[in-house]
PDB file of all heavy atoms in Angstrom:
ATOM      1  N   MET A   1      -2.839   9.324   6.856  1.00  0.00           N
ATOM      2  CA  MET A   1      -2.318   9.937   5.633  1.00  0.00           C
ATOM      3  C   MET A   1      -0.887   9.874   5.298  1.00  0.00           C
ATOM      4  O   MET A   1      -0.081   9.783   6.210  1.00  0.00           O
ATOM      5  CB  MET A   1      -2.678  11.447   5.921  1.00  0.00           C
ATOM      6  CG  MET A   1      -4.202  11.691   6.012  1.00  0.00           C
ATOM      7  SD  MET A   1      -5.059  11.417   4.435  1.00  0.00           S
ATOM      8  CE  MET A   1      -4.239  12.735   3.430  1.00  0.00           C
ATOM      9  N   HIS A   2      -0.601   9.624   4.062  1.00  0.00           N
ATOM     10  CA  HIS A   2       0.783   9.494   3.616  1.00  0.00           C
ATOM     11  C   HIS A   2       0.917  10.459   2.454  1.00  0.00           C
ATOM     12  O   HIS A   2       0.276  10.286   1.611  1.00  0.00           O
ATOM     13  CB  HIS A   2       1.049   8.090   3.109  1.00  0.00           C
ATOM     14  CG  HIS A   2       1.099   7.007   4.101  1.00  0.00           C
ATOM     15  ND1 HIS A   2      -0.031   6.511   4.643  1.00  0.00           N
ATOM     16  CD2 HIS A   2       2.120   6.301   4.547  1.00  0.00           C
ATOM     17  CE1 HIS A   2       0.253   5.596   5.480  1.00  0.00           C
ATOM     18  NE2 HIS A   2       1.668   5.373   5.490  1.00  0.00           N
ATOM     19  N   PHE A   3       1.858  11.422   2.621  1.00  0.00           N
ATOM     20  CA  PHE A   3       2.276  12.295   1.586  1.00  0.00           C
ATOM     21  C   PHE A   3       3.702  11.783   1.043  1.00  0.00           C
ATOM     22  O   PHE A   3       4.661  11.905   1.701  1.00  0.00           O
ATOM     23  CB  PHE A   3       2.530  13.714   1.908  1.00  0.00           C
ATOM     24  CG  PHE A   3       1.084  14.403   1.963  1.00  0.00           C
ATOM     25  CD1 PHE A   3       0.293  14.292   3.198  1.00  0.00           C
ATOM     26  CD2 PHE A   3       0.721  15.332   1.114  1.00  0.00           C
ATOM     27  CE1 PHE A   3      -0.917  14.918   3.428  1.00  0.00           C
ATOM     28  CE2 PHE A   3      -0.496  16.000   1.155  1.00  0.00           C
ATOM     29  CZ  PHE A   3      -1.285  15.746   2.431  1.00  0.00           C
ATOM     30  N   VAL A   4       3.660  11.060  -0.071  1.00  0.00           N
ATOM     31  CA  VAL A   4       4.829  10.255  -0.589  1.00  0.00           C
ATOM     32  C   VAL A   4       5.442  11.015  -1.633  1.00  0.00           C
ATOM     33  O   VAL A   4       4.852  11.203  -2.791  1.00  0.00           O
ATOM     34  CB  VAL A   4       4.419   8.902  -1.068  1.00  0.00           C
ATOM     35  CG1 VAL A   4       5.636   8.032  -1.439  1.00  0.00           C
ATOM     36  CG2 VAL A   4       3.663   8.149   0.053  1.00  0.00           C
ATOM     37  N   MET A   5       6.668  11.472  -1.530  1.00  0.00           N
ATOM     38  CA  MET A   5       7.480  12.293  -2.500  1.00  0.00           C
ATOM     39  C   MET A   5       8.758  11.529  -2.961  1.00  0.00           C
ATOM     40  O   MET A   5       9.418  10.944  -2.314  1.00  0.00           O
ATOM     41  CB  MET A   5       7.817  13.540  -1.906  1.00  0.00           C
ATOM     42  CG  MET A   5       6.648  14.499  -1.286  1.00  0.00           C
ATOM     43  SD  MET A   5       5.485  14.922  -2.555  1.00  0.00           S
ATOM     44  CE  MET A   5       6.413  15.796  -3.707  1.00  0.00           C
ATOM     45  N   ARG A   6       9.009  11.673  -4.322  1.00  0.00           N
ATOM     46  CA  ARG A   6      10.338  11.207  -4.810  1.00  0.00           C
ATOM     47  C   ARG A   6      11.421  11.869  -4.117  1.00  0.00           C
ATOM     48  O   ARG A   6      11.378  13.128  -3.915  1.00  0.00           O
ATOM     49  CB  ARG A   6      10.389  11.464  -6.278  1.00  0.00           C
ATOM     50  CG  ARG A   6       9.491  10.642  -7.123  1.00  0.00           C
ATOM     51  CD  ARG A   6       9.698  11.000  -8.639  1.00  0.00           C
ATOM     52  NE  ARG A   6      11.088  10.837  -9.127  1.00  0.00           N
ATOM     53  CZ  ARG A   6      11.554   9.821  -9.748  1.00  0.00           C
ATOM     54  NH1 ARG A   6      10.816   8.868 -10.252  1.00  0.00           N
ATOM     55  NH2 ARG A   6      12.857   9.732 -10.107  1.00  0.00           N
ATOM     56  N   ALA A   7      12.353  11.192  -3.719  1.00  0.00           N
ATOM     57  CA  ALA A   7      13.520  11.841  -2.908  1.00  0.00           C
ATOM     58  C   ALA A   7      14.220  12.812  -3.868  1.00  0.00           C
ATOM     59  O   ALA A   7      14.603  13.975  -3.341  1.00  0.00           O
ATOM     60  CB  ALA A   7      14.447  10.748  -2.511  1.00  0.00           C
ATOM     61  N   ASP A   8      14.280  12.472  -5.071  1.00  0.00           N
ATOM     62  CA  ASP A   8      14.925  13.488  -6.105  1.00  0.00           C
ATOM     63  C   ASP A   8      14.235  14.715  -6.392  1.00  0.00           C
ATOM     64  O   ASP A   8      14.674  15.654  -7.105  1.00  0.00           O
ATOM     65  CB  ASP A   8      15.551  12.849  -7.328  1.00  0.00           C
ATOM     66  CG  ASP A   8      14.380  12.243  -8.112  1.00  0.00           C
ATOM     67  OD1 ASP A   8      13.209  12.584  -7.933  1.00  0.00           O
ATOM     68  OD2 ASP A   8      14.641  11.464  -9.051  1.00  0.00           O
ATOM     69  N   SER A   9      12.904  14.804  -5.832  1.00  0.00           N
ATOM     70  CA  SER A   9      12.169  16.109  -6.066  1.00  0.00           C
ATOM     71  C   SER A   9      12.678  17.064  -5.067  1.00  0.00           C
ATOM     72  O   SER A   9      12.443  18.305  -5.096  1.00  0.00           O
ATOM     73  CB  SER A   9      10.623  15.904  -5.752  1.00  0.00           C
ATOM     74  OG  SER A   9      10.441  15.580  -4.334  1.00  0.00           O
ATOM     75  N   GLY A  10      13.406  16.731  -3.996  1.00  0.00           N
ATOM     76  CA  GLY A  10      14.062  17.616  -2.948  1.00  0.00           C
ATOM     77  C   GLY A  10      12.971  18.071  -1.958  1.00  0.00           C
ATOM     78  O   GLY A  10      13.347  18.841  -1.029  1.00  0.00           O
ATOM     79  N   VAL A  11      11.870  17.512  -1.917  1.00  0.00           N
ATOM     80  CA  VAL A  11      10.784  17.973  -0.942  1.00  0.00           C
ATOM     81  C   VAL A  11      10.846  17.186   0.272  1.00  0.00           C
ATOM     82  O   VAL A  11      10.853  15.890   0.302  1.00  0.00           O
ATOM     83  CB  VAL A  11       9.321  17.652  -1.591  1.00  0.00           C
ATOM     84  CG1 VAL A  11       8.276  18.110  -0.619  1.00  0.00           C
ATOM     85  CG2 VAL A  11       9.130  18.428  -2.848  1.00  0.00           C
ATOM     86  N   THR A  12      11.102  17.893   1.268  1.00  0.00           N
ATOM     87  CA  THR A  12      11.075  17.329   2.706  1.00  0.00           C
ATOM     88  C   THR A  12      10.078  17.777   3.686  1.00  0.00           C
ATOM     89  O   THR A  12      10.005  17.334   4.669  1.00  0.00           O
ATOM     90  CB  THR A  12      12.596  17.520   3.307  1.00  0.00           C
ATOM     91  OG1 THR A  12      12.867  18.831   3.301  1.00  0.00           O
ATOM     92  CG2 THR A  12      13.612  16.773   2.391  1.00  0.00           C
ATOM     93  N   ASP A  13       9.374  18.876   3.244  1.00  0.00           N
ATOM     94  CA  ASP A  13       8.234  19.405   4.084  1.00  0.00           C
ATOM     95  C   ASP A  13       7.269  19.986   3.209  1.00  0.00           C
ATOM     96  O   ASP A  13       7.286  20.050   1.973  1.00  0.00           O
ATOM     97  CB  ASP A  13       8.957  20.538   4.949  1.00  0.00           C
ATOM     98  CG  ASP A  13       9.606  21.680   4.240  1.00  0.00           C
ATOM     99  OD1 ASP A  13       9.451  21.850   3.094  1.00  0.00           O
ATOM    100  OD2 ASP A  13      10.510  22.459   4.843  1.00  0.00           O
ATOM    101  N   PHE A  14       6.153  20.512   3.773  1.00  0.00           N
ATOM    102  CA  PHE A  14       4.907  20.886   3.044  1.00  0.00           C
ATOM    103  C   PHE A  14       5.191  22.167   2.242  1.00  0.00           C
ATOM    104  O   PHE A  14       4.803  22.197   1.024  1.00  0.00           O
ATOM    105  CB  PHE A  14       3.737  21.065   3.816  1.00  0.00           C
ATOM    106  CG  PHE A  14       3.138  19.736   4.256  1.00  0.00           C
ATOM    107  CD1 PHE A  14       3.578  19.038   5.291  1.00  0.00           C
ATOM    108  CD2 PHE A  14       2.215  19.068   3.443  1.00  0.00           C
ATOM    109  CE1 PHE A  14       3.101  17.766   5.570  1.00  0.00           C
ATOM    110  CE2 PHE A  14       1.646  17.785   3.600  1.00  0.00           C
ATOM    111  CZ  PHE A  14       2.028  17.240   4.731  1.00  0.00           C
ATOM    112  N   PRO A  15       5.849  23.171   2.694  1.00  0.00           N
ATOM    113  CA  PRO A  15       6.288  24.348   1.768  1.00  0.00           C
ATOM    114  C   PRO A  15       6.957  23.922   0.580  1.00  0.00           C
ATOM    115  O   PRO A  15       6.741  24.461  -0.518  1.00  0.00           O
ATOM    116  CB  PRO A  15       7.074  25.276   2.751  1.00  0.00           C
ATOM    117  CG  PRO A  15       6.660  25.008   3.941  1.00  0.00           C
ATOM    118  CD  PRO A  15       6.413  23.339   4.177  1.00  0.00           C
ATOM    119  N   GLY A  16       7.744  22.850   0.624  1.00  0.00           N
ATOM    120  CA  GLY A  16       8.368  22.385  -0.670  1.00  0.00           C
ATOM    121  C   GLY A  16       7.565  21.824  -1.605  1.00  0.00           C
ATOM    122  O   GLY A  16       8.070  21.745  -2.848  1.00  0.00           O
ATOM    123  N   LEU A  17       6.330  21.605  -1.445  1.00  0.00           N
ATOM    124  CA  LEU A  17       5.267  21.061  -2.403  1.00  0.00           C
ATOM    125  C   LEU A  17       4.877  22.162  -3.469  1.00  0.00           C
ATOM    126  O   LEU A  17       4.528  21.781  -4.515  1.00  0.00           O
ATOM    127  CB  LEU A  17       4.047  20.667  -1.652  1.00  0.00           C
ATOM    128  CG  LEU A  17       4.102  19.459  -0.970  1.00  0.00           C
ATOM    129  CD1 LEU A  17       2.662  19.131  -0.226  1.00  0.00           C
ATOM    130  CD2 LEU A  17       4.435  18.158  -1.639  1.00  0.00           C
ATOM    131  N   GLU A  18       5.180  23.420  -3.242  1.00  0.00           N
ATOM    132  CA  GLU A  18       4.808  24.442  -4.142  1.00  0.00           C
ATOM    133  C   GLU A  18       5.546  24.188  -5.526  1.00  0.00           C
ATOM    134  O   GLU A  18       6.811  23.923  -5.525  1.00  0.00           O
ATOM    135  CB  GLU A  18       5.233  25.823  -3.542  1.00  0.00           C
ATOM    136  CG  GLU A  18       4.778  27.053  -4.419  1.00  0.00           C
ATOM    137  CD  GLU A  18       4.965  28.396  -3.767  1.00  0.00           C
ATOM    138  OE1 GLU A  18       5.175  28.437  -2.517  1.00  0.00           O
ATOM    139  OE2 GLU A  18       4.800  29.271  -4.555  1.00  0.00           O
ATOM    140  N   GLY A  19       4.744  24.245  -6.582  1.00  0.00           N
ATOM    141  CA  GLY A  19       5.278  24.059  -7.848  1.00  0.00           C
ATOM    142  C   GLY A  19       5.427  22.565  -8.333  1.00  0.00           C
ATOM    143  O   GLY A  19       5.806  22.296  -9.457  1.00  0.00           O
ATOM    144  N   LYS A  20       5.107  21.695  -7.353  1.00  0.00           N
ATOM    145  CA  LYS A  20       5.388  20.168  -7.713  1.00  0.00           C
ATOM    146  C   LYS A  20       4.103  19.603  -8.252  1.00  0.00           C
ATOM    147  O   LYS A  20       3.041  20.122  -8.011  1.00  0.00           O
ATOM    148  CB  LYS A  20       5.769  19.408  -6.436  1.00  0.00           C
ATOM    149  CG  LYS A  20       7.080  20.009  -5.837  1.00  0.00           C
ATOM    150  CD  LYS A  20       8.331  19.841  -6.895  1.00  0.00           C
ATOM    151  CE  LYS A  20       9.677  20.358  -6.138  1.00  0.00           C
ATOM    152  NZ  LYS A  20      10.803  20.368  -7.160  1.00  0.00           N
ATOM    153  N   THR A  21       4.239  18.424  -8.881  1.00  0.00           N
ATOM    154  CA  THR A  21       3.105  17.711  -9.359  1.00  0.00           C
ATOM    155  C   THR A  21       2.695  16.659  -8.375  1.00  0.00           C
ATOM    156  O   THR A  21       3.635  15.632  -8.194  1.00  0.00           O
ATOM    157  CB  THR A  21       3.433  17.176 -10.721  1.00  0.00           C
ATOM    158  OG1 THR A  21       3.668  18.298 -11.764  1.00  0.00           O
ATOM    159  CG2 THR A  21       2.202  16.529 -11.421  1.00  0.00           C
ATOM    160  N   ILE A  22       1.431  16.614  -7.895  1.00  0.00           N
ATOM    161  CA  ILE A  22       1.041  15.677  -6.998  1.00  0.00           C
ATOM    162  C   ILE A  22      -0.202  14.995  -7.480  1.00  0.00           C
ATOM    163  O   ILE A  22      -1.212  15.518  -8.067  1.00  0.00           O
ATOM    164  CB  ILE A  22       0.690  16.441  -5.682  1.00  0.00           C
ATOM    165  CG1 ILE A  22       1.929  17.198  -5.089  1.00  0.00           C
ATOM    166  CG2 ILE A  22       0.314  15.377  -4.549  1.00  0.00           C
ATOM    167  CD1 ILE A  22       3.095  16.437  -4.868  1.00  0.00           C
ATOM    168  N   LEU A  23      -0.290  13.603  -7.245  1.00  0.00           N
ATOM    169  CA  LEU A  23      -1.533  12.949  -7.641  1.00  0.00           C
ATOM    170  C   LEU A  23      -2.276  12.626  -6.281  1.00  0.00           C
ATOM    171  O   LEU A  23      -1.933  11.948  -5.349  1.00  0.00           O
ATOM    172  CB  LEU A  23      -1.120  11.493  -8.234  1.00  0.00           C
ATOM    173  CG  LEU A  23      -2.119  10.763  -8.849  1.00  0.00           C
ATOM    174  CD1 LEU A  23      -1.480   9.716  -9.922  1.00  0.00           C
ATOM    175  CD2 LEU A  23      -3.148  10.043  -8.130  1.00  0.00           C
ATOM    176  N   LEU A  24      -3.594  13.285  -6.216  1.00  0.00           N
ATOM    177  CA  LEU A  24      -4.431  12.912  -5.107  1.00  0.00           C
ATOM    178  C   LEU A  24      -5.462  11.894  -5.353  1.00  0.00           C
ATOM    179  O   LEU A  24      -5.891  11.324  -4.322  1.00  0.00           O
ATOM    180  CB  LEU A  24      -5.218  14.244  -4.756  1.00  0.00           C
ATOM    181  CG  LEU A  24      -4.514  15.413  -4.291  1.00  0.00           C
ATOM    182  CD1 LEU A  24      -5.391  16.717  -4.169  1.00  0.00           C
ATOM    183  CD2 LEU A  24      -3.780  15.145  -3.108  1.00  0.00           C
ATOM    184  N   GLY A  25      -5.629  11.495  -6.530  1.00  0.00           N
ATOM    185  CA  GLY A  25      -6.724  10.547  -6.862  1.00  0.00           C
ATOM    186  C   GLY A  25      -8.065  11.292  -6.767  1.00  0.00           C
ATOM    187  O   GLY A  25      -8.096  12.481  -6.756  1.00  0.00           O
ATOM    188  N   LYS A  26      -9.176  10.370  -6.923  1.00  0.00           N
ATOM    189  CA  LYS A  26     -10.519  10.931  -6.913  1.00  0.00           C
ATOM    190  C   LYS A  26     -11.325  10.139  -6.031  1.00  0.00           C
ATOM    191  O   LYS A  26     -11.386   8.931  -5.985  1.00  0.00           O
ATOM    192  CB  LYS A  26     -11.038  10.778  -8.399  1.00  0.00           C
ATOM    193  CG  LYS A  26     -10.104  11.594  -9.374  1.00  0.00           C
ATOM    194  CD  LYS A  26     -10.526  11.478 -10.810  1.00  0.00           C
ATOM    195  CE  LYS A  26      -9.643  12.158 -11.737  1.00  0.00           C
ATOM    196  NZ  LYS A  26     -10.079  11.816 -13.251  1.00  0.00           N
ATOM    197  N   GLY A  27     -12.287  10.877  -5.376  1.00  0.00           N
ATOM    198  CA  GLY A  27     -13.488  10.065  -4.669  1.00  0.00           C
ATOM    199  C   GLY A  27     -13.133   9.349  -3.511  1.00  0.00           C
ATOM    200  O   GLY A  27     -14.093   8.658  -2.992  1.00  0.00           O
ATOM    201  N   SER A  28     -11.946   9.408  -3.054  1.00  0.00           N
ATOM    202  CA  SER A  28     -11.555   8.590  -1.701  1.00  0.00           C
ATOM    203  C   SER A  28     -11.383   9.628  -0.559  1.00  0.00           C
ATOM    204  O   SER A  28     -11.260  10.705  -0.697  1.00  0.00           O
ATOM    205  CB  SER A  28     -10.227   7.864  -2.031  1.00  0.00           C
ATOM    206  OG  SER A  28      -9.165   8.763  -2.225  1.00  0.00           O
ATOM    207  N   PHE A  29     -11.345   8.987   0.649  1.00  0.00           N
ATOM    208  CA  PHE A  29     -11.092   9.793   1.780  1.00  0.00           C
ATOM    209  C   PHE A  29      -9.693  10.466   1.629  1.00  0.00           C
ATOM    210  O   PHE A  29      -9.558  11.626   1.983  1.00  0.00           O
ATOM    211  CB  PHE A  29     -11.018   8.823   2.987  1.00  0.00           C
ATOM    212  CG  PHE A  29     -10.523   9.564   4.321  1.00  0.00           C
ATOM    213  CD1 PHE A  29     -11.310  10.377   4.909  1.00  0.00           C
ATOM    214  CD2 PHE A  29      -9.262   9.265   4.684  1.00  0.00           C
ATOM    215  CE1 PHE A  29     -10.823  10.960   6.128  1.00  0.00           C
ATOM    216  CE2 PHE A  29      -8.613   9.735   5.853  1.00  0.00           C
ATOM    217  CZ  PHE A  29      -9.477  10.749   6.655  1.00  0.00           C
ATOM    218  N   GLY A  30      -8.665   9.691   1.171  1.00  0.00           N
ATOM    219  CA  GLY A  30      -7.305  10.213   1.027  1.00  0.00           C
ATOM    220  C   GLY A  30      -7.129  11.517   0.015  1.00  0.00           C
ATOM    221  O   GLY A  30      -6.559  12.506   0.376  1.00  0.00           O
ATOM    222  N   ALA A  31      -8.075  11.403  -0.995  1.00  0.00           N
ATOM    223  CA  ALA A  31      -8.173  12.437  -1.895  1.00  0.00           C
ATOM    224  C   ALA A  31      -8.735  13.723  -1.444  1.00  0.00           C
ATOM    225  O   ALA A  31      -8.206  14.874  -1.428  1.00  0.00           O
ATOM    226  CB  ALA A  31      -8.870  12.048  -3.229  1.00  0.00           C
ATOM    227  N   SER A  32      -9.870  13.632  -0.733  1.00  0.00           N
ATOM    228  CA  SER A  32     -10.531  14.823  -0.087  1.00  0.00           C
ATOM    229  C   SER A  32      -9.720  15.363   1.092  1.00  0.00           C
ATOM    230  O   SER A  32      -9.699  16.564   1.211  1.00  0.00           O
ATOM    231  CB  SER A  32     -11.982  14.434   0.438  1.00  0.00           C
ATOM    232  OG  SER A  32     -11.939  13.311   1.339  1.00  0.00           O
ATOM    233  N   GLU A  33      -9.128  14.371   1.842  1.00  0.00           N
ATOM    234  CA  GLU A  33      -8.322  14.951   2.895  1.00  0.00           C
ATOM    235  C   GLU A  33      -7.025  15.557   2.440  1.00  0.00           C
ATOM    236  O   GLU A  33      -6.657  16.593   3.076  1.00  0.00           O
ATOM    237  CB  GLU A  33      -8.009  13.539   3.932  1.00  0.00           C
ATOM    238  CG  GLU A  33      -7.537  14.046   5.268  1.00  0.00           C
ATOM    239  CD  GLU A  33      -8.740  14.389   6.076  1.00  0.00           C
ATOM    240  OE1 GLU A  33      -9.739  14.514   5.743  1.00  0.00           O
ATOM    241  OE2 GLU A  33      -8.315  14.565   7.306  1.00  0.00           O
ATOM    242  N   GLY A  34      -6.523  15.063   1.415  1.00  0.00           N
ATOM    243  CA  GLY A  34      -5.247  15.703   0.943  1.00  0.00           C
ATOM    244  C   GLY A  34      -5.504  16.983   0.312  1.00  0.00           C
ATOM    245  O   GLY A  34      -4.739  18.041   0.622  1.00  0.00           O
TER     246      GLY A  34
END
């Protein structure tokens, strides 16, 4: 698993994902796992 974030989003941990826009994709292991 890779959670890849733009550095300028300021996200360095999972709590920082709140309010951000993330692309999970569809129908893949990574999407369901994410």
